Amino acid sequence: MQWLKDWGAVATAILALSTMSGLILRQIKKLIKQHTEPLDALKKSLDSNNAATRAGLKYSIVKAHEEFAKEGKIGRLTLECILDMYEEYQALGGNGFVDDLVADLRGLPPDLGR
């Protein structure tokens, strides 16, 4: 009969531990959710900001191409600035849309007055 009492105590302990484990796991999940929701919102905001920056860089490169292709020449420092914008545009996930435009700008003769 003693072995039955011992098994009963073991079963009770196992049940108590599994209940405690379930409660602890539920609390951990709740804490994870509390901390990941603000991070998700921050990521969404950062992604939106990056998209706006990328669009602004793309627009600036397109406008520069229109202006300098029309002039038929480009200043060395101006080209350097455009190449910096192009590098950042690509780093932000920009596609190949402006590749040909930048190649055209690189091929323009230098404006010695700038």
PDB file of N, CA and C in Angstrom:
ATOM      1  N   MET A   1       0.807  -1.184   0.000  1.00  0.00           N
ATOM      2  CA  MET A   1       0.000   0.000   0.000  1.00  0.00           C
ATOM      3  C   MET A   1       0.863   1.267   0.000  1.00  0.00           C
ATOM      4  N   GLN A   2       2.036   1.155   0.591  1.00  0.00           N
ATOM      5  CA  GLN A   2       2.943   2.305   0.649  1.00  0.00           C
ATOM      6  C   GLN A   2       3.359   2.733  -0.762  1.00  0.00           C
ATOM      7  N   TRP A   3       3.608   1.754  -1.628  1.00  0.00           N
ATOM      8  CA  TRP A   3       4.033   2.097  -2.988  1.00  0.00           C
ATOM      9  C   TRP A   3       2.964   2.898  -3.718  1.00  0.00           C
ATOM     10  N   LEU A   4       1.668   2.627  -3.400  1.00  0.00           N
ATOM     11  CA  LEU A   4       0.574   3.365  -4.021  1.00  0.00           C
ATOM     12  C   LEU A   4       0.579   4.815  -3.547  1.00  0.00           C
ATOM     13  N   LYS A   5       0.853   5.016  -2.262  1.00  0.00           N
ATOM     14  CA  LYS A   5       0.946   6.382  -1.739  1.00  0.00           C
ATOM     15  C   LYS A   5       2.133   7.109  -2.365  1.00  0.00           C
ATOM     16  N   ASP A   6       3.265   6.390  -2.521  1.00  0.00           N
ATOM     17  CA  ASP A   6       4.455   7.000  -3.134  1.00  0.00           C
ATOM     18  C   ASP A   6       4.171   7.402  -4.580  1.00  0.00           C
ATOM     19  N   TRP A   7       3.525   6.523  -5.336  1.00  0.00           N
ATOM     20  CA  TRP A   7       3.177   6.841  -6.733  1.00  0.00           C
ATOM     21  C   TRP A   7       2.184   7.984  -6.794  1.00  0.00           C
ATOM     22  N   GLY A   8       1.280   8.044  -5.844  1.00  0.00           N
ATOM     23  CA  GLY A   8       0.311   9.144  -5.779  1.00  0.00           C
ATOM     24  C   GLY A   8       1.029  10.467  -5.553  1.00  0.00           C
ATOM     25  N   ALA A   9       2.035  10.446  -4.683  1.00  0.00           N
ATOM     26  CA  ALA A   9       2.804  11.660  -4.404  1.00  0.00           C
ATOM     27  C   ALA A   9       3.598  12.077  -5.631  1.00  0.00           C
ATOM     28  N   VAL A  10       4.186  11.104  -6.329  1.00  0.00           N
ATOM     29  CA  VAL A  10       4.941  11.386  -7.548  1.00  0.00           C
ATOM     30  C   VAL A  10       4.007  11.956  -8.620  1.00  0.00           C
ATOM     31  N   ALA A  11       2.849  11.355  -8.783  1.00  0.00           N
ATOM     32  CA  ALA A  11       1.888  11.823  -9.779  1.00  0.00           C
ATOM     33  C   ALA A  11       1.419  13.234  -9.446  1.00  0.00           C
ATOM     34  N   THR A  12       1.189  13.504  -8.170  1.00  0.00           N
ATOM     35  CA  THR A  12       0.778  14.844  -7.747  1.00  0.00           C
ATOM     36  C   THR A  12       1.880  15.857  -8.034  1.00  0.00           C
ATOM     37  N   ALA A  13       3.111  15.476  -7.748  1.00  0.00           N
ATOM     38  CA  ALA A  13       4.250  16.371  -8.012  1.00  0.00           C
ATOM     39  C   ALA A  13       4.394  16.636  -9.511  1.00  0.00           C
ATOM     40  N   ILE A  14       4.237  15.605 -10.327  1.00  0.00           N
ATOM     41  CA  ILE A  14       4.337  15.769 -11.786  1.00  0.00           C
ATOM     42  C   ILE A  14       3.225  16.689 -12.282  1.00  0.00           C
ATOM     43  N   LEU A  15       2.025  16.501 -11.785  1.00  0.00           N
ATOM     44  CA  LEU A  15       0.900  17.342 -12.177  1.00  0.00           C
ATOM     45  C   LEU A  15       1.143  18.797 -11.768  1.00  0.00           C
ATOM     46  N   ALA A  16       1.650  18.998 -10.567  1.00  0.00           N
ATOM     47  CA  ALA A  16       1.931  20.355 -10.081  1.00  0.00           C
ATOM     48  C   ALA A  16       3.027  21.010 -10.934  1.00  0.00           C
ATOM     49  N   LEU A  17       4.078  20.241 -11.251  1.00  0.00           N
ATOM     50  CA  LEU A  17       5.159  20.781 -12.077  1.00  0.00           C
ATOM     51  C   LEU A  17       4.681  21.122 -13.480  1.00  0.00           C
ATOM     52  N   SER A  18       3.836  20.275 -14.052  1.00  0.00           N
ATOM     53  CA  SER A  18       3.359  20.588 -15.390  1.00  0.00           C
ATOM     54  C   SER A  18       2.434  21.779 -15.387  1.00  0.00           C
ATOM     55  N   THR A  19       1.641  21.946 -14.347  1.00  0.00           N
ATOM     56  CA  THR A  19       0.786  23.129 -14.244  1.00  0.00           C
ATOM     57  C   THR A  19       1.644  24.385 -14.110  1.00  0.00           C
ATOM     58  N   MET A  20       2.654  24.300 -13.256  1.00  0.00           N
ATOM     59  CA  MET A  20       3.569  25.441 -13.074  1.00  0.00           C
ATOM     60  C   MET A  20       4.301  25.756 -14.382  1.00  0.00           C
ATOM     61  N   SER A  21       4.733  24.732 -15.076  1.00  0.00           N
ATOM     62  CA  SER A  21       5.424  24.935 -16.348  1.00  0.00           C
ATOM     63  C   SER A  21       4.511  25.641 -17.351  1.00  0.00           C
ATOM     64  N   GLY A  22       3.255  25.217 -17.392  1.00  0.00           N
ATOM     65  CA  GLY A  22       2.289  25.849 -18.297  1.00  0.00           C
ATOM     66  C   GLY A  22       2.087  27.317 -17.963  1.00  0.00           C
ATOM     67  N   LEU A  23       1.977  27.620 -16.671  1.00  0.00           N
ATOM     68  CA  LEU A  23       1.805  29.014 -16.249  1.00  0.00           C
ATOM     69  C   LEU A  23       3.040  29.848 -16.586  1.00  0.00           C
ATOM     70  N   ILE A  24       4.195  29.294 -16.346  1.00  0.00           N
ATOM     71  CA  ILE A  24       5.445  30.001 -16.654  1.00  0.00           C
ATOM     72  C   ILE A  24       5.567  30.236 -18.154  1.00  0.00           C
ATOM     73  N   LEU A  25       5.253  29.224 -18.939  1.00  0.00           N
ATOM     74  CA  LEU A  25       5.323  29.352 -20.395  1.00  0.00           C
ATOM     75  C   LEU A  25       4.354  30.419 -20.896  1.00  0.00           C
ATOM     76  N   ARG A  26       3.157  30.462 -20.318  1.00  0.00           N
ATOM     77  CA  ARG A  26       2.169  31.472 -20.704  1.00  0.00           C
ATOM     78  C   ARG A  26       2.688  32.873 -20.378  1.00  0.00           C
ATOM     79  N   GLN A  27       3.329  33.034 -19.238  1.00  0.00           N
ATOM     80  CA  GLN A  27       3.896  34.338 -18.861  1.00  0.00           C
ATOM     81  C   GLN A  27       5.043  34.740 -19.791  1.00  0.00           C
ATOM     82  N   ILE A  28       5.859  33.772 -20.146  1.00  0.00           N
ATOM     83  CA  ILE A  28       6.973  34.052 -21.066  1.00  0.00           C
ATOM     84  C   ILE A  28       6.434  34.504 -22.417  1.00  0.00           C
ATOM     85  N   LYS A  29       5.413  33.826 -22.925  1.00  0.00           N
ATOM     86  CA  LYS A  29       4.807  34.211 -24.210  1.00  0.00           C
ATOM     87  C   LYS A  29       4.228  35.617 -24.128  1.00  0.00           C
ATOM     88  N   LYS A  30       3.588  35.932 -23.003  1.00  0.00           N
ATOM     89  CA  LYS A  30       2.997  37.258 -22.815  1.00  0.00           C
ATOM     90  C   LYS A  30       4.097  38.332 -22.815  1.00  0.00           C
ATOM     91  N   LEU A  31       5.186  38.066 -22.122  1.00  0.00           N
ATOM     92  CA  LEU A  31       6.300  39.019 -22.074  1.00  0.00           C
ATOM     93  C   LEU A  31       6.936  39.203 -23.456  1.00  0.00           C
ATOM     94  N   ILE A  32       7.091  38.116 -24.179  1.00  0.00           N
ATOM     95  CA  ILE A  32       7.660  38.202 -25.531  1.00  0.00           C
ATOM     96  C   ILE A  32       6.773  39.070 -26.410  1.00  0.00           C
ATOM     97  N   LYS A  33       5.469  38.865 -26.317  1.00  0.00           N
ATOM     98  CA  LYS A  33       4.539  39.651 -27.134  1.00  0.00           C
ATOM     99  C   LYS A  33       4.616  41.127 -26.761  1.00  0.00           C
ATOM    100  N   GLN A  34       4.700  41.416 -25.466  1.00  0.00           N
ATOM    101  CA  GLN A  34       4.786  42.807 -25.007  1.00  0.00           C
ATOM    102  C   GLN A  34       6.030  43.494 -25.545  1.00  0.00           C
ATOM    103  N   HIS A  35       7.106  42.750 -25.700  1.00  0.00           N
ATOM    104  CA  HIS A  35       8.359  43.355 -26.153  1.00  0.00           C
ATOM    105  C   HIS A  35       8.511  43.352 -27.669  1.00  0.00           C
ATOM    106  N   THR A  36       7.861  42.423 -28.343  1.00  0.00           N
ATOM    107  CA  THR A  36       8.022  42.378 -29.792  1.00  0.00           C
ATOM    108  C   THR A  36       7.070  43.324 -30.513  1.00  0.00           C
ATOM    109  N   GLU A  37       5.911  43.619 -29.940  1.00  0.00           N
ATOM    110  CA  GLU A  37       4.978  44.535 -30.603  1.00  0.00           C
ATOM    111  C   GLU A  37       5.594  45.918 -30.821  1.00  0.00           C
ATOM    112  N   PRO A  38       6.246  46.519 -29.810  1.00  0.00           N
ATOM    113  CA  PRO A  38       6.889  47.817 -30.071  1.00  0.00           C
ATOM    114  C   PRO A  38       8.023  47.703 -31.095  1.00  0.00           C
ATOM    115  N   LEU A  39       8.742  46.594 -31.085  1.00  0.00           N
ATOM    116  CA  LEU A  39       9.814  46.406 -32.062  1.00  0.00           C
ATOM    117  C   LEU A  39       9.252  46.271 -33.465  1.00  0.00           C
ATOM    118  N   ASP A  40       8.129  45.589 -33.601  1.00  0.00           N
ATOM    119  CA  ASP A  40       7.482  45.462 -34.905  1.00  0.00           C
ATOM    120  C   ASP A  40       7.028  46.822 -35.416  1.00  0.00           C
ATOM    121  N   ALA A  41       6.477  47.639 -34.517  1.00  0.00           N
ATOM    122  CA  ALA A  41       6.046  48.989 -34.903  1.00  0.00           C
ATOM    123  C   ALA A  41       7.248  49.837 -35.313  1.00  0.00           C
ATOM    124  N   LEU A  42       8.334  49.700 -34.583  1.00  0.00           N
ATOM    125  CA  LEU A  42       9.556  50.439 -34.913  1.00  0.00           C
ATOM    126  C   LEU A  42      10.110  49.989 -36.260  1.00  0.00           C
ATOM    127  N   LYS A  43      10.099  48.695 -36.525  1.00  0.00           N
ATOM    128  CA  LYS A  43      10.574  48.174 -37.810  1.00  0.00           C
ATOM    129  C   LYS A  43       9.711  48.693 -38.954  1.00  0.00           C
ATOM    130  N   LYS A  44       8.397  48.714 -38.749  1.00  0.00           N
ATOM    131  CA  LYS A  44       7.492  49.211 -39.782  1.00  0.00           C
ATOM    132  C   LYS A  44       7.783  50.685 -40.073  1.00  0.00           C
ATOM    133  N   SER A  45       7.993  51.460 -39.022  1.00  0.00           N
ATOM    134  CA  SER A  45       8.298  52.880 -39.184  1.00  0.00           C
ATOM    135  C   SER A  45       9.635  53.075 -39.896  1.00  0.00           C
ATOM    136  N   LEU A  46      10.623  52.283 -39.536  1.00  0.00           N
ATOM    137  CA  LEU A  46      11.940  52.371 -40.167  1.00  0.00           C
ATOM    138  C   LEU A  46      11.863  51.965 -41.643  1.00  0.00           C
ATOM    139  N   ASP A  47      11.111  50.916 -41.936  1.00  0.00           N
ATOM    140  CA  ASP A  47      10.931  50.489 -43.329  1.00  0.00           C
ATOM    141  C   ASP A  47      10.274  51.593 -44.157  1.00  0.00           C
ATOM    142  N   SER A  48       9.284  52.252 -43.564  1.00  0.00           N
ATOM    143  CA  SER A  48       8.592  53.348 -44.251  1.00  0.00           C
ATOM    144  C   SER A  48       9.543  54.519 -44.491  1.00  0.00           C
ATOM    145  N   ASN A  49      10.343  54.829 -43.492  1.00  0.00           N
ATOM    146  CA  ASN A  49      11.316  55.912 -43.619  1.00  0.00           C
ATOM    147  C   ASN A  49      12.355  55.580 -44.691  1.00  0.00           C
ATOM    148  N   ASN A  50      12.807  54.348 -44.706  1.00  0.00           N
ATOM    149  CA  ASN A  50      13.773  53.926 -45.732  1.00  0.00           C
ATOM    150  C   ASN A  50      13.170  54.020 -47.132  1.00  0.00           C
ATOM    151  N   ALA A  51      11.913  53.633 -47.260  1.00  0.00           N
ATOM    152  CA  ALA A  51      11.248  53.701 -48.569  1.00  0.00           C
ATOM    153  C   ALA A  51      11.133  55.155 -49.032  1.00  0.00           C
ATOM    154  N   ALA A  52      10.798  56.053 -48.112  1.00  0.00           N
ATOM    155  CA  ALA A  52      10.689  57.476 -48.460  1.00  0.00           C
ATOM    156  C   ALA A  52      12.057  58.039 -48.848  1.00  0.00           C
ATOM    157  N   THR A  53      13.092  57.665 -48.114  1.00  0.00           N
ATOM    158  CA  THR A  53      14.444  58.128 -48.425  1.00  0.00           C
ATOM    159  C   THR A  53      14.890  57.604 -49.784  1.00  0.00           C
ATOM    160  N   ARG A  54      14.617  56.328 -50.026  1.00  0.00           N
ATOM    161  CA  ARG A  54      14.974  55.715 -51.311  1.00  0.00           C
ATOM    162  C   ARG A  54      14.265  56.428 -52.466  1.00  0.00           C
ATOM    163  N   ALA A  55      12.985  56.737 -52.283  1.00  0.00           N
ATOM    164  CA  ALA A  55      12.225  57.444 -53.322  1.00  0.00           C
ATOM    165  C   ALA A  55      12.787  58.844 -53.550  1.00  0.00           C
ATOM    166  N   GLY A  56      13.183  59.518 -52.479  1.00  0.00           N
ATOM    167  CA  GLY A  56      13.770  60.847 -52.608  1.00  0.00           C
ATOM    168  C   GLY A  56      15.096  60.819 -53.353  1.00  0.00           C
ATOM    169  N   LEU A  57      15.907  59.829 -53.050  1.00  0.00           N
ATOM    170  CA  LEU A  57      17.189  59.679 -53.748  1.00  0.00           C
ATOM    171  C   LEU A  57      16.966  59.376 -55.230  1.00  0.00           C
ATOM    172  N   LYS A  58      16.013  58.518 -55.505  1.00  0.00           N
ATOM    173  CA  LYS A  58      15.697  58.159 -56.889  1.00  0.00           C
ATOM    174  C   LYS A  58      15.252  59.402 -57.658  1.00  0.00           C
ATOM    175  N   TYR A  59      14.388  60.188 -57.051  1.00  0.00           N
ATOM    176  CA  TYR A  59      13.899  61.406 -57.682  1.00  0.00           C
ATOM    177  C   TYR A  59      15.058  62.371 -57.962  1.00  0.00           C
ATOM    178  N   SER A  60      15.927  62.534 -56.978  1.00  0.00           N
ATOM    179  CA  SER A  60      17.066  63.449 -57.138  1.00  0.00           C
ATOM    180  C   SER A  60      17.989  62.998 -58.270  1.00  0.00           C
ATOM    181  N   ILE A  61      18.226  61.718 -58.361  1.00  0.00           N
ATOM    182  CA  ILE A  61      19.090  61.201 -59.434  1.00  0.00           C
ATOM    183  C   ILE A  61      18.423  61.398 -60.798  1.00  0.00           C
ATOM    184  N   VAL A  62      17.131  61.143 -60.875  1.00  0.00           N
ATOM    185  CA  VAL A  62      16.406  61.336 -62.140  1.00  0.00           C
ATOM    186  C   VAL A  62      16.453  62.805 -62.553  1.00  0.00           C
ATOM    187  N   LYS A  63      16.200  63.714 -61.604  1.00  0.00           N
ATOM    188  CA  LYS A  63      16.228  65.146 -61.918  1.00  0.00           C
ATOM    189  C   LYS A  63      17.629  65.589 -62.333  1.00  0.00           C
ATOM    190  N   ALA A  64      18.651  65.086 -61.654  1.00  0.00           N
ATOM    191  CA  ALA A  64      20.028  65.432 -62.013  1.00  0.00           C
ATOM    192  C   ALA A  64      20.334  64.937 -63.426  1.00  0.00           C
ATOM    193  N   HIS A  65      19.876  63.741 -63.747  1.00  0.00           N
ATOM    194  CA  HIS A  65      20.108  63.206 -65.087  1.00  0.00           C
ATOM    195  C   HIS A  65      19.445  64.097 -66.136  1.00  0.00           C
ATOM    196  N   GLU A  66      18.202  64.500 -65.870  1.00  0.00           N
ATOM    197  CA  GLU A  66      17.504  65.380 -66.818  1.00  0.00           C
ATOM    198  C   GLU A  66      18.295  66.667 -67.051  1.00  0.00           C
ATOM    199  N   GLU A  67      18.750  67.262 -65.961  1.00  0.00           N
ATOM    200  CA  GLU A  67      19.460  68.546 -66.057  1.00  0.00           C
ATOM    201  C   GLU A  67      20.804  68.409 -66.763  1.00  0.00           C
ATOM    202  N   PHE A  68      21.612  67.482 -66.331  1.00  0.00           N
ATOM    203  CA  PHE A  68      22.979  67.405 -66.850  1.00  0.00           C
ATOM    204  C   PHE A  68      23.049  66.726 -68.217  1.00  0.00           C
ATOM    205  N   ALA A  69      22.121  65.831 -68.508  1.00  0.00           N
ATOM    206  CA  ALA A  69      22.089  65.239 -69.849  1.00  0.00           C
ATOM    207  C   ALA A  69      21.727  66.331 -70.865  1.00  0.00           C
ATOM    208  N   LYS A  70      20.850  67.232 -70.450  1.00  0.00           N
ATOM    209  CA  LYS A  70      20.464  68.344 -71.323  1.00  0.00           C
ATOM    210  C   LYS A  70      21.656  69.285 -71.549  1.00  0.00           C
ATOM    211  N   GLU A  71      22.422  69.558 -70.469  1.00  0.00           N
ATOM    212  CA  GLU A  71      23.605  70.427 -70.578  1.00  0.00           C
ATOM    213  C   GLU A  71      24.718  69.749 -71.366  1.00  0.00           C
ATOM    214  N   GLY A  72      24.788  68.430 -71.281  1.00  0.00           N
ATOM    215  CA  GLY A  72      25.816  67.684 -71.991  1.00  0.00           C
ATOM    216  C   GLY A  72      27.154  67.636 -71.272  1.00  0.00           C
ATOM    217  N   LYS A  73      27.188  68.064 -70.020  1.00  0.00           N
ATOM    218  CA  LYS A  73      28.419  68.007 -69.214  1.00  0.00           C
ATOM    219  C   LYS A  73      28.035  68.035 -67.732  1.00  0.00           C
ATOM    220  N   ILE A  74      28.991  67.649 -66.912  1.00  0.00           N
ATOM    221  CA  ILE A  74      28.725  67.576 -65.464  1.00  0.00           C
ATOM    222  C   ILE A  74      30.010  67.885 -64.702  1.00  0.00           C
ATOM    223  N   GLY A  75      29.877  68.615 -63.604  1.00  0.00           N
ATOM    224  CA  GLY A  75      31.025  68.925 -62.755  1.00  0.00           C
ATOM    225  C   GLY A  75      31.481  67.690 -61.978  1.00  0.00           C
ATOM    226  N   ARG A  76      32.772  67.642 -61.690  1.00  0.00           N
ATOM    227  CA  ARG A  76      33.343  66.485 -60.985  1.00  0.00           C
ATOM    228  C   ARG A  76      32.713  66.321 -59.602  1.00  0.00           C
ATOM    229  N   LEU A  77      32.594  67.418 -58.857  1.00  0.00           N
ATOM    230  CA  LEU A  77      32.023  67.335 -57.509  1.00  0.00           C
ATOM    231  C   LEU A  77      30.529  66.990 -57.559  1.00  0.00           C
ATOM    232  N   THR A  78      29.845  67.514 -58.557  1.00  0.00           N
ATOM    233  CA  THR A  78      28.429  67.186 -58.726  1.00  0.00           C
ATOM    234  C   THR A  78      28.269  65.697 -59.000  1.00  0.00           C
ATOM    235  N   LEU A  79      29.090  65.170 -59.872  1.00  0.00           N
ATOM    236  CA  LEU A  79      29.031  63.736 -60.176  1.00  0.00           C
ATOM    237  C   LEU A  79      29.331  62.922 -58.927  1.00  0.00           C
ATOM    238  N   GLU A  80      30.287  63.367 -58.138  1.00  0.00           N
ATOM    239  CA  GLU A  80      30.618  62.663 -56.896  1.00  0.00           C
ATOM    240  C   GLU A  80      29.404  62.604 -55.968  1.00  0.00           C
ATOM    241  N   CYS A  81      28.701  63.728 -55.843  1.00  0.00           N
ATOM    242  CA  CYS A  81      27.498  63.774 -54.996  1.00  0.00           C
ATOM    243  C   CYS A  81      26.424  62.825 -55.520  1.00  0.00           C
ATOM    244  N   ILE A  82      26.248  62.809 -56.823  1.00  0.00           N
ATOM    245  CA  ILE A  82      25.242  61.924 -57.421  1.00  0.00           C
ATOM    246  C   ILE A  82      25.632  60.463 -57.202  1.00  0.00           C
ATOM    247  N   LEU A  83      26.921  60.159 -57.318  1.00  0.00           N
ATOM    248  CA  LEU A  83      27.371  58.782 -57.089  1.00  0.00           C
ATOM    249  C   LEU A  83      27.172  58.376 -55.625  1.00  0.00           C
ATOM    250  N   ASP A  84      27.356  59.326 -54.697  1.00  0.00           N
ATOM    251  CA  ASP A  84      27.081  59.045 -53.286  1.00  0.00           C
ATOM    252  C   ASP A  84      25.593  58.740 -53.080  1.00  0.00           C
ATOM    253  N   MET A  85      24.735  59.544 -53.723  1.00  0.00           N
ATOM    254  CA  MET A  85      23.291  59.291 -53.627  1.00  0.00           C
ATOM    255  C   MET A  85      22.956  57.914 -54.195  1.00  0.00           C
ATOM    256  N   TYR A  86      23.571  57.590 -55.304  1.00  0.00           N
ATOM    257  CA  TYR A  86      23.322  56.305 -55.961  1.00  0.00           C
ATOM    258  C   TYR A  86      23.746  55.151 -55.052  1.00  0.00           C
ATOM    259  N   GLU A  87      24.867  55.293 -54.399  1.00  0.00           N
ATOM    260  CA  GLU A  87      25.351  54.249 -53.483  1.00  0.00           C
ATOM    261  C   GLU A  87      24.363  54.052 -52.332  1.00  0.00           C
ATOM    262  N   GLU A  88      23.875  55.146 -51.769  1.00  0.00           N
ATOM    263  CA  GLU A  88      22.904  55.050 -50.670  1.00  0.00           C
ATOM    264  C   GLU A  88      21.571  54.498 -51.164  1.00  0.00           C
ATOM    265  N   TYR A  89      21.183  54.884 -52.364  1.00  0.00           N
ATOM    266  CA  TYR A  89      19.954  54.363 -52.978  1.00  0.00           C
ATOM    267  C   TYR A  89      20.032  52.840 -53.074  1.00  0.00           C
ATOM    268  N   GLN A  90      21.150  52.338 -53.529  1.00  0.00           N
ATOM    269  CA  GLN A  90      21.319  50.883 -53.638  1.00  0.00           C
ATOM    270  C   GLN A  90      21.354  50.218 -52.260  1.00  0.00           C
ATOM    271  N   ALA A  91      22.024  50.867 -51.293  1.00  0.00           N
ATOM    272  CA  ALA A  91      22.107  50.310 -49.942  1.00  0.00           C
ATOM    273  C   ALA A  91      20.730  50.208 -49.289  1.00  0.00           C
ATOM    274  N   LEU A  92      19.823  51.091 -49.678  1.00  0.00           N
ATOM    275  CA  LEU A  92      18.462  51.066 -49.138  1.00  0.00           C
ATOM    276  C   LEU A  92      17.552  50.109 -49.908  1.00  0.00           C
ATOM    277  N   GLY A  93      18.132  49.351 -50.818  1.00  0.00           N
ATOM    278  CA  GLY A  93      17.347  48.359 -51.548  1.00  0.00           C
ATOM    279  C   GLY A  93      16.821  48.839 -52.881  1.00  0.00           C
ATOM    280  N   GLY A  94      17.367  49.940 -53.371  1.00  0.00           N
ATOM    281  CA  GLY A  94      16.935  50.446 -54.673  1.00  0.00           C
ATOM    282  C   GLY A  94      17.222  49.439 -55.769  1.00  0.00           C
ATOM    283  N   ASN A  95      16.342  49.417 -56.757  1.00  0.00           N
ATOM    284  CA  ASN A  95      16.517  48.477 -57.853  1.00  0.00           C
ATOM    285  C   ASN A  95      17.378  49.097 -58.949  1.00  0.00           C
ATOM    286  N   GLY A  96      17.454  48.479 -60.076  1.00  0.00           N
ATOM    287  CA  GLY A  96      18.319  48.937 -61.157  1.00  0.00           C
ATOM    288  C   GLY A  96      17.733  50.053 -61.998  1.00  0.00           C
ATOM    289  N   PHE A  97      16.643  50.646 -61.564  1.00  0.00           N
ATOM    290  CA  PHE A  97      15.972  51.690 -62.332  1.00  0.00           C
ATOM    291  C   PHE A  97      16.918  52.810 -62.745  1.00  0.00           C
ATOM    292  N   VAL A  98      17.800  53.229 -61.848  1.00  0.00           N
ATOM    293  CA  VAL A  98      18.654  54.384 -62.145  1.00  0.00           C
ATOM    294  C   VAL A  98      20.040  53.990 -62.659  1.00  0.00           C
ATOM    295  N   ASP A  99      20.304  52.717 -62.806  1.00  0.00           N
ATOM    296  CA  ASP A  99      21.627  52.271 -63.266  1.00  0.00           C
ATOM    297  C   ASP A  99      22.030  52.937 -64.580  1.00  0.00           C
ATOM    298  N   ASP A 100      21.137  52.906 -65.556  1.00  0.00           N
ATOM    299  CA  ASP A 100      21.451  53.499 -66.861  1.00  0.00           C
ATOM    300  C   ASP A 100      21.615  55.013 -66.764  1.00  0.00           C
ATOM    301  N   LEU A 101      20.815  55.635 -65.916  1.00  0.00           N
ATOM    302  CA  LEU A 101      20.923  57.087 -65.755  1.00  0.00           C
ATOM    303  C   LEU A 101      22.283  57.465 -65.182  1.00  0.00           C
ATOM    304  N   VAL A 102      22.715  56.735 -64.175  1.00  0.00           N
ATOM    305  CA  VAL A 102      24.016  57.010 -63.556  1.00  0.00           C
ATOM    306  C   VAL A 102      25.136  56.712 -64.549  1.00  0.00           C
ATOM    307  N   ALA A 103      24.997  55.659 -65.324  1.00  0.00           N
ATOM    308  CA  ALA A 103      26.005  55.343 -66.349  1.00  0.00           C
ATOM    309  C   ALA A 103      26.095  56.486 -67.361  1.00  0.00           C
ATOM    310  N   ASP A 104      24.944  57.045 -67.747  1.00  0.00           N
ATOM    311  CA  ASP A 104      24.950  58.200 -68.656  1.00  0.00           C
ATOM    312  C   ASP A 104      25.692  59.379 -68.032  1.00  0.00           C
ATOM    313  N   LEU A 105      25.414  59.644 -66.762  1.00  0.00           N
ATOM    314  CA  LEU A 105      26.068  60.769 -66.085  1.00  0.00           C
ATOM    315  C   LEU A 105      27.571  60.562 -65.983  1.00  0.00           C
ATOM    316  N   ARG A 106      27.975  59.338 -65.726  1.00  0.00           N
ATOM    317  CA  ARG A 106      29.415  59.038 -65.657  1.00  0.00           C
ATOM    318  C   ARG A 106      30.090  59.271 -67.019  1.00  0.00           C
ATOM    319  N   GLY A 107      29.340  59.066 -68.090  1.00  0.00           N
ATOM    320  CA  GLY A 107      29.903  59.207 -69.430  1.00  0.00           C
ATOM    321  C   GLY A 107      29.931  60.637 -69.951  1.00  0.00           C
ATOM    322  N   LEU A 108      29.305  61.563 -69.216  1.00  0.00           N
ATOM    323  CA  LEU A 108      29.305  62.958 -69.672  1.00  0.00           C
ATOM    324  C   LEU A 108      30.687  63.579 -69.532  1.00  0.00           C
ATOM    325  N   PRO A 109      31.052  64.472 -70.451  1.00  0.00           N
ATOM    326  CA  PRO A 109      32.329  65.156 -70.299  1.00  0.00           C
ATOM    327  C   PRO A 109      32.297  66.083 -69.083  1.00  0.00           C
ATOM    328  N   PRO A 110      33.447  66.298 -68.468  1.00  0.00           N
ATOM    329  CA  PRO A 110      33.482  67.151 -67.260  1.00  0.00           C
ATOM    330  C   PRO A 110      33.220  68.616 -67.605  1.00  0.00           C
ATOM    331  N   ASP A 111      32.505  69.258 -66.704  1.00  0.00           N
ATOM    332  CA  ASP A 111      32.289  70.703 -66.791  1.00  0.00           C
ATOM    333  C   ASP A 111      33.438  71.361 -66.053  1.00  0.00           C
ATOM    334  N   LEU A 112      34.368  71.896 -66.773  1.00  0.00           N
ATOM    335  CA  LEU A 112      35.585  72.436 -66.147  1.00  0.00           C
ATOM    336  C   LEU A 112      35.286  73.715 -65.346  1.00  0.00           C
ATOM    337  N   GLY A 113      34.131  74.316 -65.575  1.00  0.00           N
ATOM    338  CA  GLY A 113      33.777  75.509 -64.818  1.00  0.00           C
ATOM    339  C   GLY A 113      33.191  75.190 -63.453  1.00  0.00           C
ATOM    340  N   ARG A 114      32.936  73.925 -63.192  1.00  0.00           N
ATOM    341  CA  ARG A 114      32.328  73.559 -61.890  1.00  0.00           C
ATOM    342  C   ARG A 114      33.280  72.777 -61.064  1.00  0.00           C
TER     343      ARG A 114
END
